[in-house]
Amino acid sequence: MSQTYALTLAYNGLKFSGFARQKDPAISTVQEILEQALATVLRLDTPPQTVCAGRTDAGVHALNQVVSFKLQTPTFNAEQCAQIIRSLNALTPLDITVKELRPAQSGFSARFDALSREYRYYIFNKPYPPTFMRDFAWHLPQNINTNTLKIATNYLLGEHDFRSFCTSASAPPEKNTIRTITSLELIEQDIMGEELLTIRIVGNAFLHSMVRIIVGTLAEIAVGKREAEEIPHILASATRETAGQTAPAHGLTLYHVEYPKKTFHTFSK
């Protein structure tokens, strides 16, 4: 019998060509490095096939990415899981941190069992660039109209066809591009003494580059290049060309993934 496990990890995406493994083994990805480390730590002849909650693009970060995989082994106890975490962190580069390892329900998929995903996009809105957050925030020095921005976010809430907000190459005509955004809010945060405007977006699922194109479009509205009332037209057009720019990858972080209760097994004391 096989046992399904769930890993939670964080990573700085700047040095990786995204999460997903590429055909060219010379291209560094989080999945490739993680699977090789798992094979070494668990003494497997071949690396386990992993499935992630969100396939982040090159340069995109994650605070709580969830990865599932199966093993033909008995269930590890809490002490064994803790040792595996230590070993994985010793084998992976400092840009990747394994935070948690838990047994999950049989057949669990980090991707298909997710109820929602939360992304956060950080913007540094000062005339000078950030120091500590330069790898994690988009420097947008123009004056931002947050009131107009809040109006624009309301048009994106709910279920819509977001074909206009994804890369054309990843959305052929037969692809279902209907998604639901349950929360889209603006948060003012102080991180390491640097004032940031955070765009927090929660939805059931996201298309390729969807969050970054939404942020890029909102940024154009915020600096007066577009009107907030254009959003319904952009959605209705179902054409990538009508939406705004794609925001830089380094400002985006996969922040949290929500799953049904009792998805993960608890360790007995």
Protein backbone atom coordinates (compact mmCIF):
# COMPACT_ATOMS: atom_id res chain seq x y z
CA MET A 1 0.00 0.00 0.00
CA SER A 2 1.10 3.55 -0.69
CA GLN A 3 0.99 6.52 1.67
CA THR A 4 0.41 10.07 0.45
CA TYR A 5 2.42 12.88 2.00
CA ALA A 6 2.19 16.65 1.91
CA LEU A 7 5.21 18.93 2.12
CA THR A 8 4.97 22.63 2.88
CA LEU A 9 7.87 24.70 1.64
CA ALA A 10 8.93 28.27 1.06
CA TYR A 11 11.31 29.54 -1.59
CA ASN A 12 12.87 32.65 -3.03
CA GLY A 13 12.05 32.26 -6.72
CA LEU A 14 14.66 34.62 -8.17
CA LYS A 15 17.20 31.89 -8.98
CA PHE A 16 14.68 29.36 -10.30
CA SER A 17 12.91 28.98 -13.64
CA GLY A 18 9.65 28.45 -11.81
CA PHE A 19 8.44 25.51 -9.74
CA ALA A 20 7.77 23.00 -12.52
CA ARG A 21 10.50 20.72 -13.84
CA GLN A 22 11.70 21.58 -17.36
CA LYS A 23 12.74 19.24 -20.18
CA ASP A 24 16.24 20.66 -20.10
CA PRO A 25 17.88 19.29 -16.91
CA ALA A 26 20.28 22.24 -16.91
CA ILE A 27 17.39 24.58 -16.10
CA SER A 28 17.08 24.98 -12.34
CA THR A 29 13.57 24.50 -10.92
CA VAL A 30 12.22 24.00 -7.43
CA GLN A 31 10.55 20.71 -8.35
CA GLU A 32 13.72 19.18 -9.79
CA ILE A 33 15.80 20.09 -6.74
CA LEU A 34 13.10 18.97 -4.29
CA GLU A 35 12.54 15.59 -5.96
CA GLN A 36 16.26 14.85 -6.11
CA ALA A 37 16.58 15.70 -2.41
CA LEU A 38 13.62 13.47 -1.56
CA ALA A 39 15.17 10.58 -3.48
CA THR A 40 18.45 10.99 -1.58
CA VAL A 41 16.91 11.36 1.87
CA LEU A 42 14.39 8.54 1.42
CA ARG A 43 16.92 6.31 -0.40
CA LEU A 44 14.75 5.88 -3.48
CA ASP A 45 16.02 4.54 -6.80
CA THR A 46 13.94 7.13 -8.66
CA PRO A 47 12.67 10.48 -7.39
CA PRO A 48 8.98 10.56 -6.36
CA GLN A 49 6.59 12.41 -8.65
CA THR A 50 5.41 15.55 -6.88
CA VAL A 51 2.33 17.70 -7.47
CA CYS A 52 2.24 21.30 -6.28
CA ALA A 53 -0.67 23.53 -5.30
CA GLY A 54 0.41 26.34 -7.63
CA ARG A 55 2.93 26.17 -10.49
CA THR A 56 4.68 29.46 -9.84
CA ASP A 57 6.44 31.17 -12.75
CA ALA A 58 10.14 31.97 -12.95
CA GLY A 59 11.02 34.56 -10.32
CA VAL A 60 7.83 34.12 -8.28
CA HIS A 61 8.19 33.30 -4.58
CA ALA A 62 6.25 31.05 -2.20
CA LEU A 63 5.75 31.27 1.53
CA ASN A 64 3.56 28.17 1.92
CA GLN A 65 3.66 26.09 -1.24
CA VAL A 66 2.12 22.63 -0.73
CA VAL A 67 3.49 19.59 -2.55
CA SER A 68 2.03 16.09 -2.52
CA PHE A 69 3.68 12.76 -3.36
CA LYS A 70 3.20 9.04 -2.73
CA LEU A 71 5.53 6.49 -1.17
CA GLN A 72 5.35 2.71 -0.93
CA THR A 73 6.31 2.84 2.74
CA PRO A 74 4.72 2.68 6.17
CA THR A 75 3.58 5.99 7.64
CA PHE A 76 6.36 8.04 9.20
CA ASN A 77 5.84 9.18 12.76
CA ALA A 78 6.38 12.74 14.01
CA GLU A 79 10.04 12.19 14.91
CA GLN A 80 10.80 10.61 11.54
CA CYS A 81 9.09 13.47 9.69
CA ALA A 82 11.12 15.99 11.68
CA GLN A 83 14.34 14.19 10.74
CA ILE A 84 13.36 14.11 7.06
CA ILE A 85 12.70 17.87 7.17
CA ARG A 86 16.14 18.49 8.67
CA SER A 87 17.78 16.32 6.02
CA LEU A 88 15.92 17.99 3.16
CA ASN A 89 16.92 21.43 4.38
CA ALA A 90 20.54 20.28 4.58
CA LEU A 91 20.46 19.08 0.97
CA THR A 92 18.53 21.90 -0.69
CA PRO A 93 19.94 25.40 -1.33
CA LEU A 94 19.23 28.23 1.10
CA ASP A 95 16.63 29.62 -1.32
CA ILE A 96 14.37 26.64 -0.49
CA THR A 97 13.06 25.88 3.00
CA VAL A 98 11.07 22.76 3.83
CA LYS A 99 8.75 23.70 6.68
CA GLU A 100 6.43 20.75 7.26
CA LEU A 101 5.90 17.11 6.28
CA ARG A 102 2.55 15.46 7.01
CA PRO A 103 0.80 12.23 6.00
CA ALA A 104 -2.39 13.00 4.08
CA GLN A 105 -5.55 11.19 3.11
CA SER A 106 -5.19 8.54 0.44
CA GLY A 107 -5.31 10.05 -3.04
CA PHE A 108 -4.66 13.59 -1.81
CA SER A 109 -3.54 16.00 -4.52
CA ALA A 110 -2.00 19.34 -3.54
CA ARG A 111 -3.40 20.81 -6.75
CA PHE A 112 -6.86 19.33 -7.18
CA ASP A 113 -7.90 19.20 -3.51
CA ALA A 114 -7.12 22.87 -2.82
CA LEU A 115 -10.18 24.91 -1.88
CA SER A 116 -8.49 28.26 -2.44
CA ARG A 117 -5.14 29.86 -3.06
CA GLU A 118 -3.97 33.18 -1.68
CA TYR A 119 -1.39 35.30 -3.45
CA ARG A 120 0.11 38.57 -2.29
CA TYR A 121 1.70 41.12 -4.56
CA TYR A 122 3.95 43.73 -2.96
CA ILE A 123 4.37 47.25 -4.36
CA PHE A 124 6.87 49.81 -3.07
CA ASN A 125 5.41 53.22 -3.90
CA LYS A 126 8.21 55.67 -3.16
CA PRO A 127 10.35 57.83 -5.47
CA TYR A 128 13.41 55.84 -4.37
CA PRO A 129 13.81 52.03 -4.65
CA PRO A 130 13.42 49.66 -1.68
CA THR A 131 16.46 48.28 0.11
CA PHE A 132 15.33 45.22 2.05
CA MET A 133 12.30 44.36 -0.10
CA ARG A 134 13.92 44.93 -3.49
CA ASP A 135 13.76 41.19 -4.32
CA PHE A 136 10.11 40.89 -3.27
CA ALA A 137 8.38 44.12 -4.29
CA TRP A 138 7.70 46.03 -7.51
CA HIS A 139 9.08 49.57 -7.33
CA LEU A 140 6.31 51.79 -8.69
CA PRO A 141 7.41 55.42 -8.09
CA GLN A 142 4.39 57.13 -9.72
CA ASN A 143 1.62 58.58 -7.57
CA ILE A 144 -1.01 55.91 -6.90
CA ASN A 145 -4.72 56.66 -6.50
CA THR A 146 -5.80 54.04 -3.98
CA ASN A 147 -9.46 55.10 -4.09
CA THR A 148 -9.63 54.41 -7.83
CA LEU A 149 -7.77 51.17 -7.24
CA LYS A 150 -10.37 50.00 -4.72
CA ILE A 151 -13.17 50.70 -7.21
CA ALA A 152 -11.36 48.64 -9.85
CA THR A 153 -10.87 45.63 -7.55
CA ASN A 154 -14.65 45.35 -7.00
CA TYR A 155 -15.20 44.62 -10.69
CA LEU A 156 -12.97 41.56 -10.45
CA LEU A 157 -14.70 39.90 -7.51
CA GLY A 158 -16.85 36.84 -8.14
CA GLU A 159 -16.98 34.36 -11.00
CA HIS A 160 -15.79 35.63 -14.39
CA ASP A 161 -14.15 34.47 -17.57
CA PHE A 162 -10.56 35.63 -16.98
CA ARG A 163 -9.28 34.76 -20.46
CA SER A 164 -8.16 38.38 -20.91
CA PHE A 165 -5.99 38.05 -17.82
CA CYS A 166 -3.85 35.10 -18.84
CA THR A 167 -1.13 34.54 -21.41
CA SER A 168 -2.58 33.83 -24.86
CA ALA A 169 -0.34 30.81 -25.43
CA SER A 170 -1.69 29.08 -22.31
CA ALA A 171 -5.38 29.66 -23.13
CA PRO A 172 -6.46 27.84 -26.31
CA PRO A 173 -10.15 28.25 -27.26
CA GLU A 174 -11.13 24.94 -25.67
CA LYS A 175 -9.62 25.82 -22.28
CA ASN A 176 -11.98 26.66 -19.44
CA THR A 177 -10.88 30.11 -18.24
CA ILE A 178 -13.70 30.74 -15.77
CA ARG A 179 -12.38 31.36 -12.26
CA THR A 180 -13.75 32.79 -9.00
CA ILE A 181 -12.04 35.50 -6.96
CA THR A 182 -13.44 35.55 -3.43
CA SER A 183 -11.29 38.34 -2.01
CA LEU A 184 -9.24 41.16 -3.51
CA GLU A 185 -8.08 43.78 -1.06
CA LEU A 186 -5.43 46.43 -0.61
CA ILE A 187 -3.33 46.29 2.56
CA GLU A 188 -0.80 48.86 3.73
CA GLN A 189 2.09 47.10 5.44
CA ASP A 190 5.39 48.02 7.03
CA ILE A 191 8.01 45.34 6.44
CA MET A 192 11.58 45.93 7.62
CA GLY A 193 10.73 49.62 7.95
CA GLU A 194 9.62 49.88 4.31
CA GLU A 195 6.04 50.91 3.56
CA LEU A 196 4.37 48.58 1.07
CA LEU A 197 1.05 48.44 -0.70
CA THR A 198 0.03 44.78 -0.73
CA ILE A 199 -2.56 43.42 -3.12
CA ARG A 200 -4.06 40.32 -1.48
CA ILE A 201 -6.00 38.10 -3.87
CA VAL A 202 -7.79 34.85 -3.00
CA GLY A 203 -9.49 32.56 -5.51
CA ASN A 204 -10.41 28.98 -6.20
CA ALA A 205 -7.73 28.71 -8.91
CA PHE A 206 -5.68 30.95 -11.19
CA LEU A 207 -4.65 30.89 -14.84
CA HIS A 208 -1.09 31.25 -16.08
CA SER A 209 0.18 34.75 -15.11
CA MET A 210 -3.38 35.74 -14.12
CA VAL A 211 -2.41 37.45 -10.88
CA ARG A 212 0.46 39.35 -12.47
CA ILE A 213 -1.71 40.58 -15.37
CA ILE A 214 -4.43 41.65 -12.93
CA VAL A 215 -1.84 43.57 -10.89
CA GLY A 216 -0.33 45.10 -14.02
CA THR A 217 -3.76 46.26 -15.15
CA LEU A 218 -4.59 47.63 -11.70
CA ALA A 219 -1.27 49.48 -11.67
CA GLU A 220 -2.14 51.23 -14.94
CA ILE A 221 -5.47 52.25 -13.41
CA ALA A 222 -3.77 53.41 -10.22
CA VAL A 223 -1.42 55.79 -12.08
CA GLY A 224 -4.14 57.17 -14.36
CA LYS A 225 -3.35 55.34 -17.61
CA ARG A 226 -6.71 53.54 -17.53
CA GLU A 227 -10.11 53.97 -15.95
CA ALA A 228 -11.47 51.56 -13.33
CA GLU A 229 -14.66 51.25 -15.40
CA GLU A 230 -12.67 49.53 -18.16
CA ILE A 231 -12.49 46.29 -16.18
CA PRO A 232 -15.93 44.94 -17.25
CA HIS A 233 -15.05 45.61 -20.91
CA ILE A 234 -11.71 43.85 -20.51
CA LEU A 235 -13.41 40.80 -18.99
CA ALA A 236 -16.10 40.72 -21.68
CA SER A 237 -13.58 40.97 -24.51
CA ALA A 238 -11.88 37.68 -23.54
CA THR A 239 -8.78 38.97 -25.31
CA ARG A 240 -5.34 39.31 -23.70
CA GLU A 241 -4.56 42.47 -25.69
CA THR A 242 -7.28 44.46 -23.91
CA ALA A 243 -5.75 43.96 -20.45
CA GLY A 244 -2.72 45.74 -19.09
CA GLN A 245 0.92 44.85 -18.64
CA THR A 246 2.20 41.79 -16.81
CA ALA A 247 3.61 42.90 -13.46
CA PRO A 248 7.18 41.78 -12.64
CA ALA A 249 7.45 38.26 -11.25
CA HIS A 250 9.54 39.13 -8.19
CA GLY A 251 6.69 41.08 -6.55
CA LEU A 252 4.45 38.00 -6.32
CA THR A 253 4.32 35.42 -3.53
CA LEU A 254 2.12 32.34 -3.18
CA TYR A 255 1.07 33.04 0.38
CA HIS A 256 -1.35 30.32 1.51
CA VAL A 257 -3.34 27.32 0.25
CA GLU A 258 -6.55 26.19 1.95
CA TYR A 259 -7.68 22.54 2.09
CA PRO A 260 -10.70 20.74 3.53
CA LYS A 261 -10.58 19.87 7.21
CA LYS A 262 -9.17 16.44 8.08
CA THR A 263 -7.11 16.35 4.89
CA PHE A 264 -3.92 15.79 6.88
CA HIS A 265 -3.38 13.19 9.55
CA THR A 266 -2.40 14.31 13.02
CA PHE A 267 0.36 12.55 14.92
CA SER A 268 -0.67 10.66 18.03
CA LYS A 269 0.98 11.83 21.22
